PDB file of all heavy atoms in Angstrom:
ATOM      1  N   GLU A   1      87.522  96.413 103.018  1.00  0.00           N
ATOM      2  CA  GLU A   1      87.428  97.794 103.466  1.00  0.00           C
ATOM      3  C   GLU A   1      88.524  98.644 102.841  1.00  0.00           C
ATOM      4  O   GLU A   1      89.601  98.155 102.481  1.00  0.00           O
ATOM      5  CB  GLU A   1      87.540  97.881 104.994  1.00  0.00           C
ATOM      6  CG  GLU A   1      88.862  97.425 105.567  1.00  0.00           C
ATOM      7  CD  GLU A   1      88.965  97.624 107.066  1.00  0.00           C
ATOM      8  OE1 GLU A   1      87.993  98.046 107.699  1.00  0.00           O
ATOM      9  OE2 GLU A   1      90.066  97.364 107.601  1.00  0.00           O
ATOM     10  N   PHE A   2      88.236  99.916 102.740  1.00  0.00           N
ATOM     11  CA  PHE A   2      89.172 100.895 102.190  1.00  0.00           C
ATOM     12  C   PHE A   2      90.339 101.092 103.143  1.00  0.00           C
ATOM     13  O   PHE A   2      90.163 101.142 104.361  1.00  0.00           O
ATOM     14  CB  PHE A   2      88.438 102.214 101.962  1.00  0.00           C
ATOM     15  CG  PHE A   2      89.332 103.383 101.675  1.00  0.00           C
ATOM     16  CD1 PHE A   2      89.940 103.505 100.431  1.00  0.00           C
ATOM     17  CD2 PHE A   2      89.581 104.337 102.637  1.00  0.00           C
ATOM     18  CE1 PHE A   2      90.771 104.574 100.157  1.00  0.00           C
ATOM     19  CE2 PHE A   2      90.404 105.412 102.376  1.00  0.00           C
ATOM     20  CZ  PHE A   2      91.005 105.532 101.136  1.00  0.00           C
ATOM     21  N   VAL A   3      91.547 101.230 102.566  1.00  0.00           N
ATOM     22  CA  VAL A   3      92.746 101.503 103.356  1.00  0.00           C
ATOM     23  C   VAL A   3      93.334 102.869 102.989  1.00  0.00           C
ATOM     24  O   VAL A   3      93.526 103.718 103.852  1.00  0.00           O
ATOM     25  CB  VAL A   3      93.800 100.394 103.156  1.00  0.00           C
ATOM     26  CG1 VAL A   3      95.089 100.749 103.890  1.00  0.00           C
ATOM     27  CG2 VAL A   3      93.263  99.043 103.617  1.00  0.00           C
ATOM     28  N   ALA A   4      93.644 103.044 101.705  1.00  0.00           N
ATOM     29  CA  ALA A   4      94.277 104.287 101.275  1.00  0.00           C
ATOM     30  C   ALA A   4      94.075 104.472  99.782  1.00  0.00           C
ATOM     31  O   ALA A   4      93.867 103.502  99.056  1.00  0.00           O
ATOM     32  CB  ALA A   4      95.768 104.280 101.600  1.00  0.00           C
ATOM     33  N   ALA A   5      94.130 105.729  99.331  1.00  0.00           N
ATOM     34  CA  ALA A   5      93.993 106.024  97.908  1.00  0.00           C
ATOM     35  C   ALA A   5      94.857 107.223  97.551  1.00  0.00           C
ATOM     36  O   ALA A   5      95.188 108.049  98.418  1.00  0.00           O
ATOM     37  CB  ALA A   5      92.536 106.296  97.561  1.00  0.00           C
ATOM     38  N   ILE A   6      95.200 107.304  96.267  1.00  0.00           N
ATOM     39  CA  ILE A   6      96.045 108.392  95.784  1.00  0.00           C
ATOM     40  C   ILE A   6      95.584 108.796  94.391  1.00  0.00           C
ATOM     41  O   ILE A   6      95.194 107.958  93.588  1.00  0.00           O
ATOM     42  CB  ILE A   6      97.530 107.957  95.791  1.00  0.00           C
ATOM     43  CG1 ILE A   6      98.446 109.133  95.481  1.00  0.00           C
ATOM     44  CG2 ILE A   6      97.766 106.786  94.845  1.00  0.00           C
ATOM     45  CD1 ILE A   6      99.927 108.817  95.770  1.00  0.00           C
ATOM     46  N   SER A   7      95.634 110.089  94.116  1.00  0.00           N
ATOM     47  CA  SER A   7      95.220 110.597  92.817  1.00  0.00           C
ATOM     48  C   SER A   7      96.293 110.319  91.768  1.00  0.00           C
ATOM     49  O   SER A   7      97.435 109.967  92.099  1.00  0.00           O
ATOM     50  CB  SER A   7      94.962 112.101  92.902  1.00  0.00           C
ATOM     51  OG  SER A   7      96.161 112.783  93.262  1.00  0.00           O
ATOM     52  N   ARG A   8      95.921 110.524  90.531  1.00  0.00           N
ATOM     53  CA  ARG A   8      96.864 110.297  89.428  1.00  0.00           C
ATOM     54  C   ARG A   8      98.073 111.215  89.556  1.00  0.00           C
ATOM     55  O   ARG A   8      99.193 110.804  89.282  1.00  0.00           O
ATOM     56  CB  ARG A   8      96.158 110.532  88.104  1.00  0.00           C
ATOM     57  CG  ARG A   8      97.038 110.342  86.873  1.00  0.00           C
ATOM     58  CD  ARG A   8      96.184 110.333  85.626  1.00  0.00           C
ATOM     59  NE  ARG A   8      96.991 110.185  84.409  1.00  0.00           N
ATOM     60  CZ  ARG A   8      96.490 109.819  83.241  1.00  0.00           C
ATOM     61  NH1 ARG A   8      95.191 109.572  83.126  1.00  0.00           N
ATOM     62  NH2 ARG A   8      97.268 109.730  82.196  1.00  0.00           N
ATOM     63  N   SER A   9      97.842 112.422  89.973  1.00  0.00           N
ATOM     64  CA  SER A   9      98.939 113.382  90.119  1.00  0.00           C
ATOM     65  C   SER A   9      99.822 113.069  91.323  1.00  0.00           C
ATOM     66  O   SER A   9     100.946 113.544  91.412  1.00  0.00           O
ATOM     67  CB  SER A   9      98.362 114.786  90.277  1.00  0.00           C
ATOM     68  OG  SER A   9      97.662 114.897  91.511  1.00  0.00           O
ATOM     69  N   GLY A  10      99.290 112.274  92.247  1.00  0.00           N
ATOM     70  CA  GLY A  10     100.024 111.974  93.473  1.00  0.00           C
ATOM     71  C   GLY A  10      99.857 113.031  94.540  1.00  0.00           C
ATOM     72  O   GLY A  10     100.316 112.857  95.672  1.00  0.00           O
ATOM     73  N   GLY A  11      99.181 114.114  94.191  1.00  0.00           N
ATOM     74  CA  GLY A  11      99.063 115.226  95.120  1.00  0.00           C
ATOM     75  C   GLY A  11      97.972 115.077  96.157  1.00  0.00           C
ATOM     76  O   GLY A  11      97.980 115.756  97.180  1.00  0.00           O
ATOM     77  N   ASN A  12      97.024 114.205  95.887  1.00  0.00           N
ATOM     78  CA  ASN A  12      95.919 113.969  96.828  1.00  0.00           C
ATOM     79  C   ASN A  12      95.959 112.551  97.346  1.00  0.00           C
ATOM     80  O   ASN A  12      96.073 111.601  96.560  1.00  0.00           O
ATOM     81  CB  ASN A  12      94.575 114.218  96.147  1.00  0.00           C
ATOM     82  CG  ASN A  12      94.346 115.686  95.866  1.00  0.00           C
ATOM     83  OD1 ASN A  12      94.914 116.551  96.531  1.00  0.00           O
ATOM     84  ND2 ASN A  12      93.524 115.975  94.879  1.00  0.00           N
ATOM     85  N   THR A  13      95.891 112.406  98.650  1.00  0.00           N
ATOM     86  CA  THR A  13      95.842 111.093  99.271  1.00  0.00           C
ATOM     87  C   THR A  13      94.747 111.076 100.337  1.00  0.00           C
ATOM     88  O   THR A  13      94.347 112.126 100.850  1.00  0.00           O
ATOM     89  CB  THR A  13      97.173 110.705  99.945  1.00  0.00           C
ATOM     90  OG1 THR A  13      97.505 111.697 100.923  1.00  0.00           O
ATOM     91  CG2 THR A  13      98.295 110.604  98.927  1.00  0.00           C
ATOM     92  N   LYS A  14      94.266 109.883 100.631  1.00  0.00           N
ATOM     93  CA  LYS A  14      93.261 109.731 101.689  1.00  0.00           C
ATOM     94  C   LYS A  14      93.483 108.396 102.361  1.00  0.00           C
ATOM     95  O   LYS A  14      93.857 107.429 101.714  1.00  0.00           O
ATOM     96  CB  LYS A  14      91.850 109.807 101.122  1.00  0.00           C
ATOM     97  CG  LYS A  14      90.777 109.958 102.200  1.00  0.00           C
ATOM     98  CD  LYS A  14      89.464 110.349 101.610  1.00  0.00           C
ATOM     99  CE  LYS A  14      88.385 110.487 102.688  1.00  0.00           C
ATOM    100  NZ  LYS A  14      88.718 111.589 103.612  1.00  0.00           N
ATOM    101  N   TYR A  15      93.250 108.371 103.668  1.00  0.00           N
ATOM    102  CA  TYR A  15      93.486 107.165 104.449  1.00  0.00           C
ATOM    103  C   TYR A  15      92.285 106.833 105.319  1.00  0.00           C
ATOM    104  O   TYR A  15      91.553 107.727 105.769  1.00  0.00           O
ATOM    105  CB  TYR A  15      94.700 107.349 105.361  1.00  0.00           C
ATOM    106  CG  TYR A  15      95.990 107.592 104.622  1.00  0.00           C
ATOM    107  CD1 TYR A  15      96.404 108.877 104.299  1.00  0.00           C
ATOM    108  CD2 TYR A  15      96.810 106.525 104.235  1.00  0.00           C
ATOM    109  CE1 TYR A  15      97.584 109.115 103.615  1.00  0.00           C
ATOM    110  CE2 TYR A  15      98.002 106.745 103.549  1.00  0.00           C
ATOM    111  CZ  TYR A  15      98.375 108.037 103.243  1.00  0.00           C
ATOM    112  OH  TYR A  15      99.545 108.254 102.560  1.00  0.00           O
ATOM    113  N   ALA A  16      92.120 105.558 105.593  1.00  0.00           N
ATOM    114  CA  ALA A  16      91.150 105.146 106.594  1.00  0.00           C
ATOM    115  C   ALA A  16      91.652 105.602 107.956  1.00  0.00           C
ATOM    116  O   ALA A  16      92.865 105.652 108.194  1.00  0.00           O
ATOM    117  CB  ALA A  16      90.984 103.633 106.576  1.00  0.00           C
ATOM    118  N   ASP A  17      90.744 105.942 108.838  1.00  0.00           N
ATOM    119  CA  ASP A  17      91.141 106.410 110.161  1.00  0.00           C
ATOM    120  C   ASP A  17      92.013 105.396 110.898  1.00  0.00           C
ATOM    121  O   ASP A  17      92.915 105.766 111.650  1.00  0.00           O
ATOM    122  CB  ASP A  17      89.889 106.721 111.005  1.00  0.00           C
ATOM    123  CG  ASP A  17      89.173 107.974 110.534  1.00  0.00           C
ATOM    124  OD1 ASP A  17      89.785 108.784 109.797  1.00  0.00           O
ATOM    125  OD2 ASP A  17      87.998 108.137 110.885  1.00  0.00           O
ATOM    126  N   SER A  18      91.760 104.122 110.655  1.00  0.00           N
ATOM    127  CA  SER A  18      92.477 103.062 111.371  1.00  0.00           C
ATOM    128  C   SER A  18      93.949 102.978 110.992  1.00  0.00           C
ATOM    129  O   SER A  18      94.736 102.388 111.733  1.00  0.00           O
ATOM    130  CB  SER A  18      91.801 101.715 111.119  1.00  0.00           C
ATOM    131  OG  SER A  18      91.788 101.414 109.737  1.00  0.00           O
ATOM    132  N   VAL A  19      94.331 103.544 109.853  1.00  0.00           N
ATOM    133  CA  VAL A  19      95.733 103.447 109.419  1.00  0.00           C
ATOM    134  C   VAL A  19      96.417 104.811 109.329  1.00  0.00           C
ATOM    135  O   VAL A  19      97.628 104.871 109.086  1.00  0.00           O
ATOM    136  CB  VAL A  19      95.850 102.730 108.065  1.00  0.00           C
ATOM    137  CG1 VAL A  19      95.136 101.385 108.114  1.00  0.00           C
ATOM    138  CG2 VAL A  19      95.311 103.594 106.923  1.00  0.00           C
ATOM    139  N   LYS A  20      95.662 105.876 109.539  1.00  0.00           N
ATOM    140  CA  LYS A  20      96.217 107.216 109.416  1.00  0.00           C
ATOM    141  C   LYS A  20      97.381 107.401 110.383  1.00  0.00           C
ATOM    142  O   LYS A  20      97.298 107.044 111.558  1.00  0.00           O
ATOM    143  CB  LYS A  20      95.107 108.237 109.694  1.00  0.00           C
ATOM    144  CG  LYS A  20      95.345 109.607 109.129  1.00  0.00           C
ATOM    145  CD  LYS A  20      94.112 110.471 109.287  1.00  0.00           C
ATOM    146  CE  LYS A  20      92.947 109.956 108.472  1.00  0.00           C
ATOM    147  NZ  LYS A  20      91.749 110.824 108.568  1.00  0.00           N
ATOM    148  N   GLY A  21      98.483 107.922 109.861  1.00  0.00           N
ATOM    149  CA  GLY A  21      99.668 108.123 110.682  1.00  0.00           C
ATOM    150  C   GLY A  21     100.604 106.938 110.714  1.00  0.00           C
ATOM    151  O   GLY A  21     101.752 107.054 111.156  1.00  0.00           O
ATOM    152  N   ARG A  22     100.120 105.780 110.246  1.00  0.00           N
ATOM    153  CA  ARG A  22     100.965 104.572 110.237  1.00  0.00           C
ATOM    154  C   ARG A  22     101.281 104.113 108.819  1.00  0.00           C
ATOM    155  O   ARG A  22     102.357 103.567 108.570  1.00  0.00           O
ATOM    156  CB  ARG A  22     100.264 103.438 110.985  1.00  0.00           C
ATOM    157  CG  ARG A  22      99.964 103.735 112.439  1.00  0.00           C
ATOM    158  CD  ARG A  22      99.427 102.495 113.161  1.00  0.00           C
ATOM    159  NE  ARG A  22      98.173 102.016 112.611  1.00  0.00           N
ATOM    160  CZ  ARG A  22      97.986 100.782 112.122  1.00  0.00           C
ATOM    161  NH1 ARG A  22      99.003  99.917 112.118  1.00  0.00           N
ATOM    162  NH2 ARG A  22      96.806 100.410 111.658  1.00  0.00           N
ATOM    163  N   PHE A  23     100.355 104.311 107.900  1.00  0.00           N
ATOM    164  CA  PHE A  23     100.522 103.866 106.521  1.00  0.00           C
ATOM    165  C   PHE A  23     100.747 105.077 105.614  1.00  0.00           C
ATOM    166  O   PHE A  23     100.195 106.154 105.852  1.00  0.00           O
ATOM    167  CB  PHE A  23      99.292 103.123 106.031  1.00  0.00           C
ATOM    168  CG  PHE A  23      99.065 101.776 106.663  1.00  0.00           C
ATOM    169  CD1 PHE A  23      99.765 101.348 107.775  1.00  0.00           C
ATOM    170  CD2 PHE A  23      98.109 100.897 106.124  1.00  0.00           C
ATOM    171  CE1 PHE A  23      99.545 100.108 108.347  1.00  0.00           C
ATOM    172  CE2 PHE A  23      97.872  99.658 106.681  1.00  0.00           C
ATOM    173  CZ  PHE A  23      98.584  99.274 107.795  1.00  0.00           C
ATOM    174  N   THR A  24     101.527 104.865 104.550  1.00  0.00           N
ATOM    175  CA  THR A  24     101.754 105.908 103.561  1.00  0.00           C
ATOM    176  C   THR A  24     101.617 105.319 102.168  1.00  0.00           C
ATOM    177  O   THR A  24     102.286 104.326 101.848  1.00  0.00           O
ATOM    178  CB  THR A  24     103.150 106.527 103.718  1.00  0.00           C
ATOM    179  OG1 THR A  24     103.299 107.058 105.037  1.00  0.00           O
ATOM    180  CG2 THR A  24     103.346 107.654 102.700  1.00  0.00           C
ATOM    181  N   ILE A  25     100.777 105.930 101.358  1.00  0.00           N
ATOM    182  CA  ILE A  25     100.611 105.495  99.975  1.00  0.00           C
ATOM    183  C   ILE A  25     101.401 106.420  99.068  1.00  0.00           C
ATOM    184  O   ILE A  25     101.472 107.634  99.304  1.00  0.00           O
ATOM    185  CB  ILE A  25      99.112 105.464  99.586  1.00  0.00           C
ATOM    186  CG1 ILE A  25      98.920 104.803  98.217  1.00  0.00           C
ATOM    187  CG2 ILE A  25      98.499 106.863  99.618  1.00  0.00           C
ATOM    188  CD1 ILE A  25      97.462 104.542  97.850  1.00  0.00           C
ATOM    189  N   SER A  26     102.000 105.847  98.027  1.00  0.00           N
ATOM    190  CA  SER A  26     102.740 106.634  97.051  1.00  0.00           C
ATOM    191  C   SER A  26     102.628 105.956  95.698  1.00  0.00           C
ATOM    192  O   SER A  26     102.270 104.781  95.615  1.00  0.00           O
ATOM    193  CB  SER A  26     104.208 106.773  97.464  1.00  0.00           C
ATOM    194  OG  SER A  26     104.839 105.504  97.530  1.00  0.00           O
ATOM    195  N   ARG A  27     102.938 106.677  94.642  1.00  0.00           N
ATOM    196  CA  ARG A  27     102.902 106.069  93.317  1.00  0.00           C
ATOM    197  C   ARG A  27     104.025 106.611  92.457  1.00  0.00           C
ATOM    198  O   ARG A  27     104.506 107.732  92.657  1.00  0.00           O
ATOM    199  CB  ARG A  27     101.544 106.282  92.648  1.00  0.00           C
ATOM    200  CG  ARG A  27     101.230 107.694  92.261  1.00  0.00           C
ATOM    201  CD  ARG A  27      99.779 107.825  91.807  1.00  0.00           C
ATOM    202  NE  ARG A  27      99.512 107.169  90.529  1.00  0.00           N
ATOM    203  CZ  ARG A  27      98.300 107.001  90.012  1.00  0.00           C
ATOM    204  NH1 ARG A  27      97.231 107.430  90.694  1.00  0.00           N
ATOM    205  NH2 ARG A  27      98.131 106.421  88.846  1.00  0.00           N
ATOM    206  N   ASP A  28     104.407 105.802  91.476  1.00  0.00           N
ATOM    207  CA  ASP A  28     105.422 106.177  90.499  1.00  0.00           C
ATOM    208  C   ASP A  28     104.803 105.922  89.131  1.00  0.00           C
ATOM    209  O   ASP A  28     104.779 104.778  88.671  1.00  0.00           O
ATOM    210  CB  ASP A  28     106.687 105.348  90.711  1.00  0.00           C
ATOM    211  CG  ASP A  28     107.825 105.776  89.804  1.00  0.00           C
ATOM    212  OD1 ASP A  28     107.553 106.373  88.737  1.00  0.00           O
ATOM    213  OD2 ASP A  28     108.989 105.504  90.149  1.00  0.00           O
ATOM    214  N   ASN A  29     104.307 106.963  88.503  1.00  0.00           N
ATOM    215  CA  ASN A  29     103.611 106.786  87.221  1.00  0.00           C
ATOM    216  C   ASN A  29     104.547 106.297  86.120  1.00  0.00           C
ATOM    217  O   ASN A  29     104.128 105.608  85.195  1.00  0.00           O
ATOM    218  CB  ASN A  29     102.932 108.085  86.805  1.00  0.00           C
ATOM    219  CG  ASN A  29     101.752 108.430  87.715  1.00  0.00           C
ATOM    220  OD1 ASN A  29     101.149 107.552  88.329  1.00  0.00           O
ATOM    221  ND2 ASN A  29     101.427 109.703  87.807  1.00  0.00           N
ATOM    222  N   ALA A  30     105.818 106.651  86.212  1.00  0.00           N
ATOM    223  CA  ALA A  30     106.787 106.195  85.210  1.00  0.00           C
ATOM    224  C   ALA A  30     106.957 104.678  85.273  1.00  0.00           C
ATOM    225  O   ALA A  30     107.245 104.032  84.255  1.00  0.00           O
ATOM    226  CB  ALA A  30     108.114 106.882  85.418  1.00  0.00           C
ATOM    227  N   LYS A  31     106.777 104.119  86.461  1.00  0.00           N
ATOM    228  CA  LYS A  31     106.913 102.678  86.640  1.00  0.00           C
ATOM    229  C   LYS A  31     105.559 101.985  86.754  1.00  0.00           C
ATOM    230  O   LYS A  31     105.504 100.782  87.011  1.00  0.00           O
ATOM    231  CB  LYS A  31     107.740 102.380  87.889  1.00  0.00           C
ATOM    232  CG  LYS A  31     109.175 102.877  87.810  1.00  0.00           C
ATOM    233  CD  LYS A  31     109.948 102.527  89.066  1.00  0.00           C
ATOM    234  CE  LYS A  31     111.401 102.996  88.951  1.00  0.00           C
ATOM    235  NZ  LYS A  31     112.180 102.668  90.183  1.00  0.00           N
ATOM    236  N   ASN A  32     104.487 102.752  86.584  1.00  0.00           N
ATOM    237  CA  ASN A  32     103.128 102.206  86.676  1.00  0.00           C
ATOM    238  C   ASN A  32     102.923 101.440  87.980  1.00  0.00           C
ATOM    239  O   ASN A  32     102.390 100.317  87.984  1.00  0.00           O
ATOM    240  CB  ASN A  32     102.837 101.286  85.479  1.00  0.00           C
ATOM    241  CG  ASN A  32     102.916 102.011  84.170  1.00  0.00           C
ATOM    242  OD1 ASN A  32     102.375 103.110  84.013  1.00  0.00           O
ATOM    243  ND2 ASN A  32     103.617 101.430  83.206  1.00  0.00           N
ATOM    244  N   SER A  33     103.341 102.023  89.061  1.00  0.00           N
ATOM    245  CA  SER A  33     103.277 101.319  90.336  1.00  0.00           C
ATOM    246  C   SER A  33     102.707 102.199  91.444  1.00  0.00           C
ATOM    247  O   SER A  33     102.774 103.430  91.380  1.00  0.00           O
ATOM    248  CB  SER A  33     104.656 100.821  90.743  1.00  0.00           C
ATOM    249  OG  SER A  33     105.518 101.912  90.995  1.00  0.00           O
ATOM    250  N   VAL A  34     102.138 101.539  92.427  1.00  0.00           N
ATOM    251  CA  VAL A  34     101.672 102.198  93.634  1.00  0.00           C
ATOM    252  C   VAL A  34     102.162 101.374  94.817  1.00  0.00           C
ATOM    253  O   VAL A  34     102.195 100.143  94.761  1.00  0.00           O
ATOM    254  CB  VAL A  34     100.129 102.345  93.641  1.00  0.00           C
ATOM    255  CG1 VAL A  34      99.438 100.993  93.610  1.00  0.00           C
ATOM    256  CG2 VAL A  34      99.676 103.150  94.841  1.00  0.00           C
ATOM    257  N   ASN A  35     102.595 102.056  95.862  1.00  0.00           N
ATOM    258  CA  ASN A  35     103.153 101.385  97.024  1.00  0.00           C
ATOM    259  C   ASN A  35     102.377 101.744  98.288  1.00  0.00           C
ATOM    260  O   ASN A  35     101.747 102.800  98.363  1.00  0.00           O
ATOM    261  CB  ASN A  35     104.615 101.773  97.204  1.00  0.00           C
ATOM    262  CG  ASN A  35     105.444 101.452  95.989  1.00  0.00           C
ATOM    263  OD1 ASN A  35     105.470 100.318  95.535  1.00  0.00           O
ATOM    264  ND2 ASN A  35     106.114 102.461  95.446  1.00  0.00           N
ATOM    265  N   LEU A  36     102.462 100.857  99.265  1.00  0.00           N
ATOM    266  CA  LEU A  36     101.857 101.120 100.565  1.00  0.00           C
ATOM    267  C   LEU A  36     102.894 100.778 101.630  1.00  0.00           C
ATOM    268  O   LEU A  36     103.217  99.604 101.826  1.00  0.00           O
ATOM    269  CB  LEU A  36     100.593 100.285 100.761  1.00  0.00           C
ATOM    270  CG  LEU A  36      99.811 100.587 102.039  1.00  0.00           C
ATOM    271  CD1 LEU A  36      99.204 101.994 101.946  1.00  0.00           C
ATOM    272  CD2 LEU A  36      98.710  99.550 102.268  1.00  0.00           C
ATOM    273  N   GLU A  37     103.411 101.809 102.259  1.00  0.00           N
ATOM    274  CA  GLU A  37     104.368 101.634 103.343  1.00  0.00           C
ATOM    275  C   GLU A  37     103.576 101.509 104.633  1.00  0.00           C
ATOM    276  O   GLU A  37     102.821 102.416 104.996  1.00  0.00           O
ATOM    277  CB  GLU A  37     105.301 102.842 103.404  1.00  0.00           C
ATOM    278  CG  GLU A  37     106.470 102.696 104.350  1.00  0.00           C
ATOM    279  CD  GLU A  37     107.558 101.800 103.801  1.00  0.00           C
ATOM    280  OE1 GLU A  37     107.795 101.832 102.584  1.00  0.00           O
ATOM    281  OE2 GLU A  37     108.157 101.047 104.597  1.00  0.00           O
ATOM    282  N   MET A  38     103.757 100.388 105.333  1.00  0.00           N
ATOM    283  CA  MET A  38     102.991 100.119 106.540  1.00  0.00           C
ATOM    284  C   MET A  38     103.935 100.019 107.731  1.00  0.00           C
ATOM    285  O   MET A  38     104.815  99.162 107.749  1.00  0.00           O
ATOM    286  CB  MET A  38     102.187  98.820 106.393  1.00  0.00           C
ATOM    287  CG  MET A  38     101.320  98.781 105.141  1.00  0.00           C
ATOM    288  SD  MET A  38     100.256  97.340 105.067  1.00  0.00           S
ATOM    289  CE  MET A  38     101.472  96.044 104.908  1.00  0.00           C
ATOM    290  N   ASN A  39     103.751 100.891 108.691  1.00  0.00           N
ATOM    291  CA  ASN A  39     104.571 100.911 109.891  1.00  0.00           C
ATOM    292  C   ASN A  39     103.710 100.681 111.126  1.00  0.00           C
ATOM    293  O   ASN A  39     102.485 100.811 111.085  1.00  0.00           O
ATOM    294  CB  ASN A  39     105.296 102.255 110.003  1.00  0.00           C
ATOM    295  CG  ASN A  39     106.238 102.511 108.849  1.00  0.00           C
ATOM    296  OD1 ASN A  39     107.027 101.648 108.471  1.00  0.00           O
ATOM    297  ND2 ASN A  39     106.165 103.707 108.283  1.00  0.00           N
ATOM    298  N   SER A  40     104.372 100.363 112.223  1.00  0.00           N
ATOM    299  CA  SER A  40     103.680 100.132 113.500  1.00  0.00           C
ATOM    300  C   SER A  40     102.504  99.176 113.322  1.00  0.00           C
ATOM    301  O   SER A  40     101.382  99.430 113.779  1.00  0.00           O
ATOM    302  CB  SER A  40     103.189 101.462 114.074  1.00  0.00           C
ATOM    303  OG  SER A  40     104.263 102.352 114.270  1.00  0.00           O
ATOM    304  N   LEU A  41     102.762  98.092 112.653  1.00  0.00           N
ATOM    305  CA  LEU A  41     101.697  97.150 112.333  1.00  0.00           C
ATOM    306  C   LEU A  41     101.111  96.508 113.586  1.00  0.00           C
ATOM    307  O   LEU A  41     101.830  96.234 114.564  1.00  0.00           O
ATOM    308  CB  LEU A  41     102.206  96.085 111.378  1.00  0.00           C
ATOM    309  CG  LEU A  41     102.334  96.568 109.929  1.00  0.00           C
ATOM    310  CD1 LEU A  41     103.233  95.653 109.123  1.00  0.00           C
ATOM    311  CD2 LEU A  41     100.964  96.677 109.278  1.00  0.00           C
ATOM    312  N   GLU A  42      99.816  96.271 113.523  1.00  0.00           N
ATOM    313  CA  GLU A  42      99.074  95.690 114.630  1.00  0.00           C
ATOM    314  C   GLU A  42      98.410  94.402 114.154  1.00  0.00           C
ATOM    315  O   GLU A  42      98.163  94.235 112.945  1.00  0.00           O
ATOM    316  CB  GLU A  42      98.004  96.689 115.092  1.00  0.00           C
ATOM    317  CG  GLU A  42      98.547  98.045 115.475  1.00  0.00           C
ATOM    318  CD  GLU A  42      97.452  99.089 115.614  1.00  0.00           C
ATOM    319  OE1 GLU A  42      96.290  98.787 115.268  1.00  0.00           O
ATOM    320  OE2 GLU A  42      97.762 100.218 116.075  1.00  0.00           O
ATOM    321  N   PRO A  43      98.109  93.493 115.075  1.00  0.00           N
ATOM    322  CA  PRO A  43      97.422  92.262 114.663  1.00  0.00           C
ATOM    323  C   PRO A  43      96.136  92.551 113.889  1.00  0.00           C
ATOM    324  O   PRO A  43      95.766  91.760 113.007  1.00  0.00           O
ATOM    325  CB  PRO A  43      97.121  91.584 116.006  1.00  0.00           C
ATOM    326  CG  PRO A  43      98.220  92.048 116.901  1.00  0.00           C
ATOM    327  CD  PRO A  43      98.478  93.471 116.503  1.00  0.00           C
ATOM    328  N   GLU A  44      95.498  93.669 114.190  1.00  0.00           N
ATOM    329  CA  GLU A  44      94.256  94.036 113.491  1.00  0.00           C
ATOM    330  C   GLU A  44      94.490  94.386 112.017  1.00  0.00           C
ATOM    331  O   GLU A  44      93.533  94.522 111.253  1.00  0.00           O
ATOM    332  CB  GLU A  44      93.568  95.217 114.187  1.00  0.00           C
ATOM    333  CG  GLU A  44      93.034  94.900 115.584  1.00  0.00           C
ATOM    334  CD  GLU A  44      94.124  94.753 116.646  1.00  0.00           C
ATOM    335  OE1 GLU A  44      95.226  95.313 116.442  1.00  0.00           O
ATOM    336  OE2 GLU A  44      93.867  94.085 117.659  1.00  0.00           O
TER     337      GLU A  44
END
């Protein structure tokens, strides 16, 4: 299932309802990387 996505520019992001407000996606194009910060994690 989908969790989160981010545009190439980094300006557009979208989240699944189940993680909205808890997860944050970010990217660093200079390092060719994308990160997912996950807080308030649940067993689900």
